[in-house]
């Protein structure tokens, strides 16, 4: 079964300093049909204006991954971790038994565009943890790069779930493939640009979910530089 999630069907939030689209139910956007996909609970497509941001707030028992697409994101949390995440960087925060954090635009002149991703962990009430890592766009050109995984495979960030997140940067004509296991769930999210998957054309914000599917998944770049994420999840 292939599930379609068009960009324009997502939830929308406009607060002046924040423009956000929600793939799944989040905050004031609630749709019982879109509560998540396996342990993948949140994909928020956030653009924060200069001077804007999320003031300190608390989370528990969630793997929170931020993928910065443009600009810079300033992070601070209750463990004392302070950092700036720039385009090409990936941030992982495991909320564990509880952590308070803030995320602000790291620039006073340009917006920051990033994806905030939540994955439910496979263990509860553990010690909070944090990691930040750069993944050069050139290393994702025309190939899948592993951003996060259960065991830190291929230089990725190790997270507390049997889930893997890969990313590829595709120019027009570039192709990447992945082998699907029907015992797993897969979610493809187009972050920027335009790609083709079979006869389907997906633009920025569009997504497809794959349930009990097997065989090869082929993704082809057809627009200007396209960033694509592939989630490999336990069913």
C-alpha atoms as a PDB file:
ATOM      1  CA  UNK A   1       0.000   0.000   0.000  1.00  0.00           C
ATOM      2  CA  UNK A   2       1.276   3.472  -0.909  1.00  0.00           C
ATOM      3  CA  UNK A   3      -0.025   6.428   1.109  1.00  0.00           C
ATOM      4  CA  UNK A   4       0.012   9.890  -0.459  1.00  0.00           C
ATOM      5  CA  UNK A   5       0.492  13.020   1.642  1.00  0.00           C
ATOM      6  CA  UNK A   6       0.417  16.129  -0.580  1.00  0.00           C
ATOM      7  CA  UNK A   7       2.130  19.264   0.690  1.00  0.00           C
ATOM      8  CA  UNK A   8      -1.020  21.396   0.457  1.00  0.00           C
ATOM      9  CA  UNK A   9      -3.006  18.956   2.621  1.00  0.00           C
ATOM     10  CA  UNK A  10      -0.728  19.443   5.635  1.00  0.00           C
ATOM     11  CA  UNK A  11      -1.663  21.465   8.679  1.00  0.00           C
ATOM     12  CA  UNK A  12      -0.632  25.120   8.565  1.00  0.00           C
ATOM     13  CA  UNK A  13       0.471  27.601  11.213  1.00  0.00           C
ATOM     14  CA  UNK A  14       1.201  31.281  10.533  1.00  0.00           C
ATOM     15  CA  UNK A  15       2.328  33.381  13.495  1.00  0.00           C
ATOM     16  CA  UNK A  16       4.220  36.184  11.811  1.00  0.00           C
ATOM     17  CA  UNK A  17       7.611  35.043  13.094  1.00  0.00           C
ATOM     18  CA  UNK A  18       6.788  31.400  12.233  1.00  0.00           C
ATOM     19  CA  UNK A  19       5.501  29.797   9.067  1.00  0.00           C
ATOM     20  CA  UNK A  20       5.006  26.058   9.549  1.00  0.00           C
ATOM     21  CA  UNK A  21       3.438  23.092   7.778  1.00  0.00           C
ATOM     22  CA  UNK A  22       2.668  19.944   9.773  1.00  0.00           C
ATOM     23  CA  UNK A  23       2.710  16.541   8.081  1.00  0.00           C
ATOM     24  CA  UNK A  24       1.124  14.967  11.171  1.00  0.00           C
ATOM     25  CA  UNK A  25      -1.105  16.254  13.973  1.00  0.00           C
ATOM     26  CA  UNK A  26       0.759  18.752  16.140  1.00  0.00           C
ATOM     27  CA  UNK A  27      -0.255  21.587  18.452  1.00  0.00           C
ATOM     28  CA  UNK A  28      -3.525  23.159  17.348  1.00  0.00           C
ATOM     29  CA  UNK A  29      -3.590  21.056  14.162  1.00  0.00           C
ATOM     30  CA  UNK A  30      -5.355  17.778  14.891  1.00  0.00           C
ATOM     31  CA  UNK A  31      -6.483  15.213  12.340  1.00  0.00           C
ATOM     32  CA  UNK A  32      -7.237  11.684  13.619  1.00  0.00           C
ATOM     33  CA  UNK A  33      -6.233  10.305  10.215  1.00  0.00           C
ATOM     34  CA  UNK A  34      -2.727  11.778  10.543  1.00  0.00           C
ATOM     35  CA  UNK A  35      -1.408  10.972  14.006  1.00  0.00           C
ATOM     36  CA  UNK A  36       1.914   9.619  12.742  1.00  0.00           C
ATOM     37  CA  UNK A  37       3.375   6.774  10.726  1.00  0.00           C
ATOM     38  CA  UNK A  38       4.697   3.950  12.864  1.00  0.00           C
ATOM     39  CA  UNK A  39       7.064   5.575  15.386  1.00  0.00           C
ATOM     40  CA  UNK A  40       7.436   8.641  13.143  1.00  0.00           C
ATOM     41  CA  UNK A  41       5.304  11.165  15.004  1.00  0.00           C
ATOM     42  CA  UNK A  42       6.174  14.642  13.680  1.00  0.00           C
ATOM     43  CA  UNK A  43       7.560  16.308  10.562  1.00  0.00           C
ATOM     44  CA  UNK A  44       7.205  20.059  10.932  1.00  0.00           C
ATOM     45  CA  UNK A  45       8.460  22.211   8.053  1.00  0.00           C
ATOM     46  CA  UNK A  46       9.394  25.413   9.913  1.00  0.00           C
ATOM     47  CA  UNK A  47      10.586  28.800   8.688  1.00  0.00           C
ATOM     48  CA  UNK A  48      11.473  31.191  11.516  1.00  0.00           C
ATOM     49  CA  UNK A  49      12.008  34.907  10.901  1.00  0.00           C
ATOM     50  CA  UNK A  50      15.046  36.785  12.243  1.00  0.00           C
ATOM     51  CA  UNK A  51      14.579  37.410  15.951  1.00  0.00           C
ATOM     52  CA  UNK A  52      11.973  34.654  16.257  1.00  0.00           C
ATOM     53  CA  UNK A  53      12.090  31.270  17.886  1.00  0.00           C
ATOM     54  CA  UNK A  54      10.707  28.759  20.313  1.00  0.00           C
ATOM     55  CA  UNK A  55      11.160  29.871  23.928  1.00  0.00           C
ATOM     56  CA  UNK A  56      12.215  27.306  26.574  1.00  0.00           C
ATOM     57  CA  UNK A  57       9.791  24.376  26.741  1.00  0.00           C
ATOM     58  CA  UNK A  58       9.933  20.804  27.974  1.00  0.00           C
ATOM     59  CA  UNK A  59       9.780  17.384  26.311  1.00  0.00           C
ATOM     60  CA  UNK A  60      10.118  13.809  27.516  1.00  0.00           C
ATOM     61  CA  UNK A  61      10.531  10.417  25.840  1.00  0.00           C
ATOM     62  CA  UNK A  62      10.947  11.602  22.262  1.00  0.00           C
ATOM     63  CA  UNK A  63      13.807  11.497  19.750  1.00  0.00           C
ATOM     64  CA  UNK A  64      13.905  15.005  18.264  1.00  0.00           C
ATOM     65  CA  UNK A  65      15.862  15.537  15.049  1.00  0.00           C
ATOM     66  CA  UNK A  66      16.362  18.913  13.361  1.00  0.00           C
ATOM     67  CA  UNK A  67      17.569  19.076   9.756  1.00  0.00           C
ATOM     68  CA  UNK A  68      18.552  22.632   8.795  1.00  0.00           C
ATOM     69  CA  UNK A  69      17.886  23.403   5.129  1.00  0.00           C
ATOM     70  CA  UNK A  70      18.746  27.118   5.069  1.00  0.00           C
ATOM     71  CA  UNK A  71      20.096  29.577   7.603  1.00  0.00           C
ATOM     72  CA  UNK A  72      21.148  28.883  11.188  1.00  0.00           C
ATOM     73  CA  UNK A  73      19.354  27.611  14.292  1.00  0.00           C
ATOM     74  CA  UNK A  74      20.555  28.501  17.816  1.00  0.00           C
ATOM     75  CA  UNK A  75      20.016  25.790  20.443  1.00  0.00           C
ATOM     76  CA  UNK A  76      20.165  25.832  24.233  1.00  0.00           C
ATOM     77  CA  UNK A  77      18.963  23.178  26.690  1.00  0.00           C
ATOM     78  CA  UNK A  78      18.786  22.376  30.376  1.00  0.00           C
ATOM     79  CA  UNK A  79      21.820  20.054  30.232  1.00  0.00           C
ATOM     80  CA  UNK A  80      23.983  23.079  29.464  1.00  0.00           C
ATOM     81  CA  UNK A  81      24.365  22.314  25.756  1.00  0.00           C
ATOM     82  CA  UNK A  82      24.607  25.415  23.568  1.00  0.00           C
ATOM     83  CA  UNK A  83      25.161  25.353  19.828  1.00  0.00           C
ATOM     84  CA  UNK A  84      24.346  26.784  16.405  1.00  0.00           C
ATOM     85  CA  UNK A  85      23.125  24.398  13.715  1.00  0.00           C
ATOM     86  CA  UNK A  86      23.656  25.585  10.149  1.00  0.00           C
ATOM     87  CA  UNK A  87      22.426  24.412   6.757  1.00  0.00           C
ATOM     88  CA  UNK A  88      23.788  20.918   6.204  1.00  0.00           C
ATOM     89  CA  UNK A  89      23.852  20.149   9.931  1.00  0.00           C
ATOM     90  CA  UNK A  90      21.694  17.627  11.764  1.00  0.00           C
ATOM     91  CA  UNK A  91      20.836  17.926  15.449  1.00  0.00           C
ATOM     92  CA  UNK A  92      19.617  15.070  17.638  1.00  0.00           C
ATOM     93  CA  UNK A  93      18.163  15.543  21.081  1.00  0.00           C
ATOM     94  CA  UNK A  94      16.885  12.554  23.016  1.00  0.00           C
ATOM     95  CA  UNK A  95      14.480  14.009  25.566  1.00  0.00           C
ATOM     96  CA  UNK A  96      14.678  10.931  27.774  1.00  0.00           C
ATOM     97  CA  UNK A  97      13.142  11.415  31.219  1.00  0.00           C
ATOM     98  CA  UNK A  98      12.791  15.145  30.522  1.00  0.00           C
ATOM     99  CA  UNK A  99      14.669  18.087  29.042  1.00  0.00           C
ATOM    100  CA  UNK A 100      13.948  21.781  28.551  1.00  0.00           C
ATOM    101  CA  UNK A 101      15.244  23.494  25.437  1.00  0.00           C
ATOM    102  CA  UNK A 102      14.875  26.546  23.209  1.00  0.00           C
ATOM    103  CA  UNK A 103      15.440  26.997  19.474  1.00  0.00           C
ATOM    104  CA  UNK A 104      15.858  30.470  17.964  1.00  0.00           C
ATOM    105  CA  UNK A 105      16.876  31.854  14.612  1.00  0.00           C
ATOM    106  CA  UNK A 106      20.655  32.118  14.804  1.00  0.00           C
ATOM    107  CA  UNK A 107      20.723  35.150  12.469  1.00  0.00           C
ATOM    108  CA  UNK A 108      19.374  38.669  12.884  1.00  0.00           C
ATOM    109  CA  UNK A 109      19.173  39.148   9.110  1.00  0.00           C
ATOM    110  CA  UNK A 110      17.979  35.939   7.390  1.00  0.00           C
ATOM    111  CA  UNK A 111      15.250  33.380   8.076  1.00  0.00           C
ATOM    112  CA  UNK A 112      16.055  29.816   9.107  1.00  0.00           C
ATOM    113  CA  UNK A 113      14.286  26.939   7.359  1.00  0.00           C
ATOM    114  CA  UNK A 114      14.442  23.532   9.003  1.00  0.00           C
ATOM    115  CA  UNK A 115      12.578  20.279   9.494  1.00  0.00           C
ATOM    116  CA  UNK A 116      11.722  19.301  13.053  1.00  0.00           C
ATOM    117  CA  UNK A 117      11.249  15.534  13.251  1.00  0.00           C
ATOM    118  CA  UNK A 118      10.003  13.507  16.219  1.00  0.00           C
ATOM    119  CA  UNK A 119      10.447   9.748  16.471  1.00  0.00           C
ATOM    120  CA  UNK A 120       9.084   7.787  19.411  1.00  0.00           C
ATOM    121  CA  UNK A 121      11.948   5.976  21.209  1.00  0.00           C
ATOM    122  CA  UNK A 122      12.196   2.256  21.886  1.00  0.00           C
ATOM    123  CA  UNK A 123      13.048   2.865  25.557  1.00  0.00           C
ATOM    124  CA  UNK A 124      11.596   5.244  28.152  1.00  0.00           C
ATOM    125  CA  UNK A 125      12.850   7.540  30.900  1.00  0.00           C
ATOM    126  CA  UNK A 126      16.537   7.280  30.051  1.00  0.00           C
ATOM    127  CA  UNK A 127      19.150  10.005  30.470  1.00  0.00           C
ATOM    128  CA  UNK A 128      18.708  12.884  27.979  1.00  0.00           C
ATOM    129  CA  UNK A 129      21.335  13.035  25.231  1.00  0.00           C
ATOM    130  CA  UNK A 130      22.430  15.410  22.472  1.00  0.00           C
ATOM    131  CA  UNK A 131      24.512  15.270  19.307  1.00  0.00           C
ATOM    132  CA  UNK A 132      25.141  17.581  16.377  1.00  0.00           C
ATOM    133  CA  UNK A 133      26.834  16.593  13.125  1.00  0.00           C
ATOM    134  CA  UNK A 134      27.520  18.057   9.712  1.00  0.00           C
ATOM    135  CA  UNK A 135      26.665  16.195   6.511  1.00  0.00           C
ATOM    136  CA  UNK A 136      28.180  17.940   3.506  1.00  0.00           C
ATOM    137  CA  UNK A 137      25.789  18.320   0.548  1.00  0.00           C
ATOM    138  CA  UNK A 138      28.499  16.957  -1.774  1.00  0.00           C
ATOM    139  CA  UNK A 139      28.441  13.690   0.184  1.00  0.00           C
ATOM    140  CA  UNK A 140      24.697  13.368  -0.538  1.00  0.00           C
ATOM    141  CA  UNK A 141      24.864  14.256  -4.229  1.00  0.00           C
ATOM    142  CA  UNK A 142      23.243  11.425  -6.158  1.00  0.00           C
ATOM    143  CA  UNK A 143      23.484   8.989  -3.252  1.00  0.00           C
ATOM    144  CA  UNK A 144      21.848   8.186   0.067  1.00  0.00           C
ATOM    145  CA  UNK A 145      23.752   9.377   3.120  1.00  0.00           C
ATOM    146  CA  UNK A 146      22.766   7.938   6.500  1.00  0.00           C
ATOM    147  CA  UNK A 147      21.932  10.772   8.913  1.00  0.00           C
ATOM    148  CA  UNK A 148      20.650   8.781  11.897  1.00  0.00           C
ATOM    149  CA  UNK A 149      20.493   5.064  12.667  1.00  0.00           C
ATOM    150  CA  UNK A 150      20.157   2.712  15.657  1.00  0.00           C
ATOM    151  CA  UNK A 151      23.902   2.023  15.792  1.00  0.00           C
ATOM    152  CA  UNK A 152      25.636   5.024  14.228  1.00  0.00           C
ATOM    153  CA  UNK A 153      26.237   3.174  10.959  1.00  0.00           C
ATOM    154  CA  UNK A 154      28.298   4.894   8.250  1.00  0.00           C
ATOM    155  CA  UNK A 155      29.181   7.812  10.502  1.00  0.00           C
ATOM    156  CA  UNK A 156      25.562   8.666  11.332  1.00  0.00           C
ATOM    157  CA  UNK A 157      24.116   9.804  14.651  1.00  0.00           C
ATOM    158  CA  UNK A 158      22.951   6.879  16.806  1.00  0.00           C
ATOM    159  CA  UNK A 159      19.372   7.270  18.075  1.00  0.00           C
ATOM    160  CA  UNK A 160      17.206   5.309  20.495  1.00  0.00           C
ATOM    161  CA  UNK A 161      14.930   3.598  17.990  1.00  0.00           C
ATOM    162  CA  UNK A 162      15.308   0.901  15.336  1.00  0.00           C
ATOM    163  CA  UNK A 163      14.900   3.564  12.653  1.00  0.00           C
ATOM    164  CA  UNK A 164      17.189   4.933   9.964  1.00  0.00           C
ATOM    165  CA  UNK A 165      16.979   8.295   8.233  1.00  0.00           C
ATOM    166  CA  UNK A 166      18.761   8.745   4.913  1.00  0.00           C
ATOM    167  CA  UNK A 167      19.041  11.871   2.768  1.00  0.00           C
ATOM    168  CA  UNK A 168      19.985  12.502  -0.854  1.00  0.00           C
ATOM    169  CA  UNK A 169      20.599  15.669  -2.853  1.00  0.00           C
ATOM    170  CA  UNK A 170      19.489  15.201  -6.453  1.00  0.00           C
ATOM    171  CA  UNK A 171      20.171  17.326  -9.497  1.00  0.00           C
ATOM    172  CA  UNK A 172      17.983  16.818 -12.590  1.00  0.00           C
ATOM    173  CA  UNK A 173      18.642  13.325 -13.934  1.00  0.00           C
ATOM    174  CA  UNK A 174      20.181  11.988 -10.721  1.00  0.00           C
ATOM    175  CA  UNK A 175      18.724   8.686  -9.493  1.00  0.00           C
ATOM    176  CA  UNK A 176      18.874   6.923  -6.136  1.00  0.00           C
ATOM    177  CA  UNK A 177      17.320   3.586  -5.234  1.00  0.00           C
ATOM    178  CA  UNK A 178      16.489   1.754  -2.023  1.00  0.00           C
ATOM    179  CA  UNK A 179      15.388  -1.813  -1.416  1.00  0.00           C
ATOM    180  CA  UNK A 180      12.135  -2.081   0.502  1.00  0.00           C
ATOM    181  CA  UNK A 181      11.470  -4.827   3.041  1.00  0.00           C
ATOM    182  CA  UNK A 182       7.745  -5.550   3.381  1.00  0.00           C
ATOM    183  CA  UNK A 183       8.225  -6.105   7.127  1.00  0.00           C
ATOM    184  CA  UNK A 184       9.271  -2.439   7.520  1.00  0.00           C
ATOM    185  CA  UNK A 185       7.606   0.933   6.979  1.00  0.00           C
ATOM    186  CA  UNK A 186       9.061   3.619   4.697  1.00  0.00           C
ATOM    187  CA  UNK A 187       8.305   7.319   4.432  1.00  0.00           C
ATOM    188  CA  UNK A 188       9.711   9.528   1.666  1.00  0.00           C
ATOM    189  CA  UNK A 189       9.600  13.281   2.284  1.00  0.00           C
ATOM    190  CA  UNK A 190      10.660  15.828  -0.343  1.00  0.00           C
ATOM    191  CA  UNK A 191      12.244  18.713   1.573  1.00  0.00           C
ATOM    192  CA  UNK A 192      13.126  20.901  -1.433  1.00  0.00           C
ATOM    193  CA  UNK A 193      12.881  20.704  -5.208  1.00  0.00           C
ATOM    194  CA  UNK A 194      10.993  18.191  -7.324  1.00  0.00           C
ATOM    195  CA  UNK A 195      11.426  14.451  -7.883  1.00  0.00           C
ATOM    196  CA  UNK A 196       9.742  11.559  -9.647  1.00  0.00           C
ATOM    197  CA  UNK A 197       8.903   8.226  -8.027  1.00  0.00           C
ATOM    198  CA  UNK A 198       7.493   5.973 -10.710  1.00  0.00           C
ATOM    199  CA  UNK A 199       4.702   7.920 -12.416  1.00  0.00           C
ATOM    200  CA  UNK A 200       4.277  10.253  -9.447  1.00  0.00           C
ATOM    201  CA  UNK A 201       5.833  13.723  -9.389  1.00  0.00           C
ATOM    202  CA  UNK A 202       6.492  15.051  -5.890  1.00  0.00           C
ATOM    203  CA  UNK A 203       7.319  18.654  -5.033  1.00  0.00           C
ATOM    204  CA  UNK A 204       8.653  20.226  -1.854  1.00  0.00           C
ATOM    205  CA  UNK A 205       6.545  19.127   1.114  1.00  0.00           C
ATOM    206  CA  UNK A 206       4.986  16.133  -0.650  1.00  0.00           C
ATOM    207  CA  UNK A 207       5.442  12.681   0.876  1.00  0.00           C
ATOM    208  CA  UNK A 208       4.692   9.019   0.263  1.00  0.00           C
ATOM    209  CA  UNK A 209       4.327   6.223   2.813  1.00  0.00           C
ATOM    210  CA  UNK A 210       5.008   2.571   1.952  1.00  0.00           C
ATOM    211  CA  UNK A 211       3.322  -0.214   3.937  1.00  0.00           C
ATOM    212  CA  UNK A 212       4.038  -3.900   3.261  1.00  0.00           C
ATOM    213  CA  UNK A 213       5.833  -2.973   0.049  1.00  0.00           C
ATOM    214  CA  UNK A 214       8.880  -4.782  -1.306  1.00  0.00           C
ATOM    215  CA  UNK A 215      11.230  -4.371  -4.246  1.00  0.00           C
ATOM    216  CA  UNK A 216      13.211  -1.328  -5.357  1.00  0.00           C
ATOM    217  CA  UNK A 217      12.214   2.260  -4.704  1.00  0.00           C
ATOM    218  CA  UNK A 218      13.681   4.610  -7.324  1.00  0.00           C
ATOM    219  CA  UNK A 219      13.764   8.393  -6.855  1.00  0.00           C
ATOM    220  CA  UNK A 220      14.798  10.654  -9.745  1.00  0.00           C
ATOM    221  CA  UNK A 221      15.590  14.355  -9.599  1.00  0.00           C
ATOM    222  CA  UNK A 222      13.625  16.388 -12.132  1.00  0.00           C
ATOM    223  CA  UNK A 223      13.763  19.937 -10.749  1.00  0.00           C
ATOM    224  CA  UNK A 224      16.498  22.196  -9.463  1.00  0.00           C
ATOM    225  CA  UNK A 225      18.529  20.760  -6.617  1.00  0.00           C
ATOM    226  CA  UNK A 226      16.201  18.525  -4.575  1.00  0.00           C
ATOM    227  CA  UNK A 227      16.645  17.296  -1.015  1.00  0.00           C
ATOM    228  CA  UNK A 228      14.867  14.015  -0.234  1.00  0.00           C
ATOM    229  CA  UNK A 229      14.559  12.174   3.084  1.00  0.00           C
ATOM    230  CA  UNK A 230      13.879   8.449   3.418  1.00  0.00           C
ATOM    231  CA  UNK A 231      12.719   7.053   6.764  1.00  0.00           C
ATOM    232  CA  UNK A 232      13.139   3.296   7.328  1.00  0.00           C
ATOM    233  CA  UNK A 233      10.951   2.414  10.318  1.00  0.00           C
ATOM    234  CA  UNK A 234       9.814  -0.586  12.354  1.00  0.00           C
ATOM    235  CA  UNK A 235       6.239  -1.641  11.633  1.00  0.00           C
END
